[in-house]
Amino acid sequence: MQHTYTSHVTWHSASGTTDYRAYSRDHKLCCAQKPVLDVSADPAFLGSAERHNPEDFFLASLSSCHMLWYLHLCAESGVVVLSYDDHPTGTLLLEPGGAGEFTTVRLAPRVEIRADSDASRAFELHERAHGYCFIARSVRCAIELKPEIVHADG
């Protein structure tokens, strides 16, 4: 089965790209039936600090996809997850000419499970989730998993 996703990125400038340092990196990301997002480049690349940037979205999509698969697998395996909190980090390596790539991403979710759930099974399911994650399977940088599993008081 194939699914197709579309989005619309739009940017406009009255003065255009007459000078690399002069034009705004602020733009709009539109996806059908969803709120429009104000986006920019990272401030390191002359963007607006108060707006999301493609690097933010990259980390967020990896983290979110992993979480959704993880919750799915836990539900099927009888592991009751009560909370999931992740702070992903990524390393972007820039080449002298300006090209770059993420070389590593670290997902470090802290997962709280119900007291009667199997913590070792909860831990193992992260690897399975990683194997299913559409986004992780689509990128070439290394993605490191560092989950933490805690039982709820009970």
C-alpha atoms as a PDB file:
ATOM      1  CA  MET A   1       0.000   0.000   0.000  1.00  0.00           C
ATOM      2  CA  GLN A   2       1.340   3.438  -0.888  1.00  0.00           C
ATOM      3  CA  HIS A   3       0.609   6.722   0.880  1.00  0.00           C
ATOM      4  CA  THR A   4       1.490  10.097  -0.579  1.00  0.00           C
ATOM      5  CA  TYR A   5       2.073  13.164   1.560  1.00  0.00           C
ATOM      6  CA  THR A   6       2.201  16.710   0.330  1.00  0.00           C
ATOM      7  CA  SER A   7       2.992  20.067   1.804  1.00  0.00           C
ATOM      8  CA  HIS A   8       3.364  23.579   0.512  1.00  0.00           C
ATOM      9  CA  VAL A   9       6.321  25.787   1.362  1.00  0.00           C
ATOM     10  CA  THR A  10       5.995  29.418   0.369  1.00  0.00           C
ATOM     11  CA  TRP A  11       8.427  32.350   0.600  1.00  0.00           C
ATOM     12  CA  HIS A  12       8.232  35.859  -0.817  1.00  0.00           C
ATOM     13  CA  SER A  13      10.505  38.883  -0.777  1.00  0.00           C
ATOM     14  CA  ALA A  14      10.053  42.233  -2.461  1.00  0.00           C
ATOM     15  CA  SER A  15      13.820  42.670  -2.808  1.00  0.00           C
ATOM     16  CA  GLY A  16      14.595  39.025  -3.584  1.00  0.00           C
ATOM     17  CA  THR A  17      17.906  37.288  -3.132  1.00  0.00           C
ATOM     18  CA  THR A  18      20.116  40.129  -4.268  1.00  0.00           C
ATOM     19  CA  ASP A  19      22.507  39.523  -1.339  1.00  0.00           C
ATOM     20  CA  TYR A  20      22.970  36.288   0.628  1.00  0.00           C
ATOM     21  CA  ARG A  21      22.984  38.101   3.976  1.00  0.00           C
ATOM     22  CA  ALA A  22      20.093  40.428   3.177  1.00  0.00           C
ATOM     23  CA  TYR A  23      17.055  38.263   2.456  1.00  0.00           C
ATOM     24  CA  SER A  24      14.677  36.868   5.040  1.00  0.00           C
ATOM     25  CA  ARG A  25      14.643  33.134   5.646  1.00  0.00           C
ATOM     26  CA  ASP A  26      11.127  33.357   7.094  1.00  0.00           C
ATOM     27  CA  HIS A  27       8.571  31.310   5.195  1.00  0.00           C
ATOM     28  CA  LYS A  28       5.334  29.363   5.622  1.00  0.00           C
ATOM     29  CA  LEU A  29       4.767  25.624   5.760  1.00  0.00           C
ATOM     30  CA  CYS A  30       1.252  24.576   4.819  1.00  0.00           C
ATOM     31  CA  CYS A  31      -0.219  21.087   5.008  1.00  0.00           C
ATOM     32  CA  ALA A  32      -3.831  20.489   4.001  1.00  0.00           C
ATOM     33  CA  GLN A  33      -6.390  20.965   6.764  1.00  0.00           C
ATOM     34  CA  LYS A  34      -3.708  21.881   9.325  1.00  0.00           C
ATOM     35  CA  PRO A  35      -2.530  25.148  10.858  1.00  0.00           C
ATOM     36  CA  VAL A  36       0.057  27.054   8.849  1.00  0.00           C
ATOM     37  CA  LEU A  37       3.477  27.017  10.496  1.00  0.00           C
ATOM     38  CA  ASP A  38       5.832  29.970  10.473  1.00  0.00           C
ATOM     39  CA  VAL A  39       9.266  28.594   9.634  1.00  0.00           C
ATOM     40  CA  SER A  40      12.740  30.015   9.141  1.00  0.00           C
ATOM     41  CA  ALA A  41      16.343  28.900   9.006  1.00  0.00           C
ATOM     42  CA  ASP A  42      18.269  28.253  12.186  1.00  0.00           C
ATOM     43  CA  PRO A  43      19.836  31.501  13.499  1.00  0.00           C
ATOM     44  CA  ALA A  44      23.253  30.032  12.640  1.00  0.00           C
ATOM     45  CA  PHE A  45      22.116  30.230   9.016  1.00  0.00           C
ATOM     46  CA  LEU A  46      20.659  33.758   9.269  1.00  0.00           C
ATOM     47  CA  GLY A  47      17.173  32.692  10.289  1.00  0.00           C
ATOM     48  CA  SER A  48      14.734  33.799  12.972  1.00  0.00           C
ATOM     49  CA  ALA A  49      15.290  32.305  16.424  1.00  0.00           C
ATOM     50  CA  GLU A  50      11.587  32.490  17.322  1.00  0.00           C
ATOM     51  CA  ARG A  51      10.492  30.253  14.440  1.00  0.00           C
ATOM     52  CA  HIS A  52      10.842  26.513  13.928  1.00  0.00           C
ATOM     53  CA  ASN A  53      13.412  25.418  11.370  1.00  0.00           C
ATOM     54  CA  PRO A  54      13.990  22.305   9.242  1.00  0.00           C
ATOM     55  CA  GLU A  55      16.448  20.929  11.784  1.00  0.00           C
ATOM     56  CA  ASP A  56      13.772  21.180  14.506  1.00  0.00           C
ATOM     57  CA  PHE A  57      11.334  19.323  12.266  1.00  0.00           C
ATOM     58  CA  PHE A  58      13.867  16.624  11.457  1.00  0.00           C
ATOM     59  CA  LEU A  59      14.464  15.800  15.129  1.00  0.00           C
ATOM     60  CA  ALA A  60      10.781  16.127  15.989  1.00  0.00           C
ATOM     61  CA  SER A  61       9.705  13.801  13.189  1.00  0.00           C
ATOM     62  CA  LEU A  62      12.200  11.122  14.235  1.00  0.00           C
ATOM     63  CA  SER A  63      11.164  11.370  17.875  1.00  0.00           C
ATOM     64  CA  SER A  64       7.437  11.475  17.157  1.00  0.00           C
ATOM     65  CA  CYS A  65       7.502   8.559  14.706  1.00  0.00           C
ATOM     66  CA  HIS A  66       9.525   6.441  17.135  1.00  0.00           C
ATOM     67  CA  MET A  67       7.100   7.251  19.966  1.00  0.00           C
ATOM     68  CA  LEU A  68       4.013   6.389  17.922  1.00  0.00           C
ATOM     69  CA  TRP A  69       5.436   3.008  16.899  1.00  0.00           C
ATOM     70  CA  TYR A  70       6.618   2.352  20.445  1.00  0.00           C
ATOM     71  CA  LEU A  71       3.175   3.044  21.927  1.00  0.00           C
ATOM     72  CA  HIS A  72       1.619   0.802  19.270  1.00  0.00           C
ATOM     73  CA  LEU A  73       3.969  -2.097  20.063  1.00  0.00           C
ATOM     74  CA  CYS A  74       3.548  -1.652  23.817  1.00  0.00           C
ATOM     75  CA  ALA A  75      -0.238  -1.759  23.486  1.00  0.00           C
ATOM     76  CA  GLU A  76       0.024  -4.990  21.471  1.00  0.00           C
ATOM     77  CA  SER A  77       2.511  -6.509  23.942  1.00  0.00           C
ATOM     78  CA  GLY A  78       0.679  -5.764  27.179  1.00  0.00           C
ATOM     79  CA  VAL A  79       3.106  -3.078  28.366  1.00  0.00           C
ATOM     80  CA  VAL A  80       1.015  -0.217  29.751  1.00  0.00           C
ATOM     81  CA  VAL A  81       2.755   3.103  29.116  1.00  0.00           C
ATOM     82  CA  LEU A  82       1.574   5.986  31.289  1.00  0.00           C
ATOM     83  CA  SER A  83       3.901   8.698  30.007  1.00  0.00           C
ATOM     84  CA  TYR A  84       6.594   9.230  27.395  1.00  0.00           C
ATOM     85  CA  ASP A  85       8.978  12.182  27.370  1.00  0.00           C
ATOM     86  CA  ASP A  86      11.832  12.604  24.879  1.00  0.00           C
ATOM     87  CA  HIS A  87      14.409  15.321  24.271  1.00  0.00           C
ATOM     88  CA  PRO A  88      16.064  14.327  20.980  1.00  0.00           C
ATOM     89  CA  THR A  89      19.433  15.777  20.031  1.00  0.00           C
ATOM     90  CA  GLY A  90      21.226  15.737  16.729  1.00  0.00           C
ATOM     91  CA  THR A  91      24.693  16.581  15.456  1.00  0.00           C
ATOM     92  CA  LEU A  92      24.895  18.492  12.178  1.00  0.00           C
ATOM     93  CA  LEU A  93      28.292  18.453  10.515  1.00  0.00           C
ATOM     94  CA  LEU A  94      29.004  21.247   8.048  1.00  0.00           C
ATOM     95  CA  GLU A  95      31.612  20.944   5.322  1.00  0.00           C
ATOM     96  CA  PRO A  96      33.842  23.920   4.404  1.00  0.00           C
ATOM     97  CA  GLY A  97      31.789  24.615   1.259  1.00  0.00           C
ATOM     98  CA  GLY A  98      28.547  24.873   3.249  1.00  0.00           C
ATOM     99  CA  ALA A  99      26.970  21.457   2.598  1.00  0.00           C
ATOM    100  CA  GLY A 100      26.164  19.449   5.659  1.00  0.00           C
ATOM    101  CA  GLU A 101      24.378  16.483   7.127  1.00  0.00           C
ATOM    102  CA  PHE A 102      23.198  15.102  10.416  1.00  0.00           C
ATOM    103  CA  THR A 103      25.763  12.532  11.473  1.00  0.00           C
ATOM    104  CA  THR A 104      23.942  11.277  14.572  1.00  0.00           C
ATOM    105  CA  VAL A 105      20.631  11.664  16.303  1.00  0.00           C
ATOM    106  CA  ARG A 106      20.010  10.615  19.880  1.00  0.00           C
ATOM    107  CA  LEU A 107      16.548   9.727  21.116  1.00  0.00           C
ATOM    108  CA  ALA A 108      16.425   9.451  24.895  1.00  0.00           C
ATOM    109  CA  PRO A 109      12.816   8.839  25.856  1.00  0.00           C
ATOM    110  CA  ARG A 110      11.895   8.503  29.513  1.00  0.00           C
ATOM    111  CA  VAL A 111       9.005   6.064  29.610  1.00  0.00           C
ATOM    112  CA  GLU A 112       6.819   5.534  32.645  1.00  0.00           C
ATOM    113  CA  ILE A 113       5.031   2.184  32.688  1.00  0.00           C
ATOM    114  CA  ARG A 114       2.379   0.810  34.999  1.00  0.00           C
ATOM    115  CA  ALA A 115       3.801  -1.002  38.044  1.00  0.00           C
ATOM    116  CA  ASP A 116       2.657  -4.424  36.802  1.00  0.00           C
ATOM    117  CA  SER A 117       4.250  -4.005  33.339  1.00  0.00           C
ATOM    118  CA  ASP A 118       7.436  -5.797  32.293  1.00  0.00           C
ATOM    119  CA  ALA A 119      10.300  -3.266  32.249  1.00  0.00           C
ATOM    120  CA  SER A 120      12.640  -5.477  30.216  1.00  0.00           C
ATOM    121  CA  ARG A 121       9.947  -5.958  27.567  1.00  0.00           C
ATOM    122  CA  ALA A 122       9.312  -2.196  27.579  1.00  0.00           C
ATOM    123  CA  PHE A 123      13.018  -1.630  26.969  1.00  0.00           C
ATOM    124  CA  GLU A 124      13.241  -4.230  24.167  1.00  0.00           C
ATOM    125  CA  LEU A 125      10.306  -2.715  22.304  1.00  0.00           C
ATOM    126  CA  HIS A 126      12.365   0.408  21.550  1.00  0.00           C
ATOM    127  CA  GLU A 127      14.523  -1.554  19.098  1.00  0.00           C
ATOM    128  CA  ARG A 128      11.435  -2.957  17.388  1.00  0.00           C
ATOM    129  CA  ALA A 129       9.899   0.519  17.187  1.00  0.00           C
ATOM    130  CA  HIS A 130      13.106   1.836  15.663  1.00  0.00           C
ATOM    131  CA  GLY A 131      12.923  -0.871  13.014  1.00  0.00           C
ATOM    132  CA  TYR A 132       9.390   0.141  12.088  1.00  0.00           C
ATOM    133  CA  CYS A 133       9.760   3.938  12.237  1.00  0.00           C
ATOM    134  CA  PHE A 134       9.123   5.294   8.722  1.00  0.00           C
ATOM    135  CA  ILE A 135      11.268   8.356   9.291  1.00  0.00           C
ATOM    136  CA  ALA A 136      14.253   6.517  10.777  1.00  0.00           C
ATOM    137  CA  ARG A 137      14.156   4.021   7.909  1.00  0.00           C
ATOM    138  CA  SER A 138      14.310   6.955   5.485  1.00  0.00           C
ATOM    139  CA  VAL A 139      17.458   8.678   6.747  1.00  0.00           C
ATOM    140  CA  ARG A 140      21.092   7.656   6.520  1.00  0.00           C
ATOM    141  CA  CYS A 141      22.579   9.131   9.686  1.00  0.00           C
ATOM    142  CA  ALA A 142      23.012   6.942  12.743  1.00  0.00           C
ATOM    143  CA  ILE A 143      20.144   7.140  15.212  1.00  0.00           C
ATOM    144  CA  GLU A 144      21.085   6.219  18.752  1.00  0.00           C
ATOM    145  CA  LEU A 145      18.434   5.009  21.188  1.00  0.00           C
ATOM    146  CA  LYS A 146      18.918   5.694  24.897  1.00  0.00           C
ATOM    147  CA  PRO A 147      15.561   4.925  26.508  1.00  0.00           C
ATOM    148  CA  GLU A 148      14.878   5.018  30.235  1.00  0.00           C
ATOM    149  CA  ILE A 149      12.032   2.915  31.640  1.00  0.00           C
ATOM    150  CA  VAL A 150      10.538   3.674  35.046  1.00  0.00           C
ATOM    151  CA  HIS A 151       7.662   2.050  36.900  1.00  0.00           C
ATOM    152  CA  ALA A 152       4.876   4.209  38.214  1.00  0.00           C
ATOM    153  CA  ASP A 153       4.476   4.290  41.958  1.00  0.00           C
ATOM    154  CA  GLY A 154       1.936   1.724  42.835  1.00  0.00           C
END
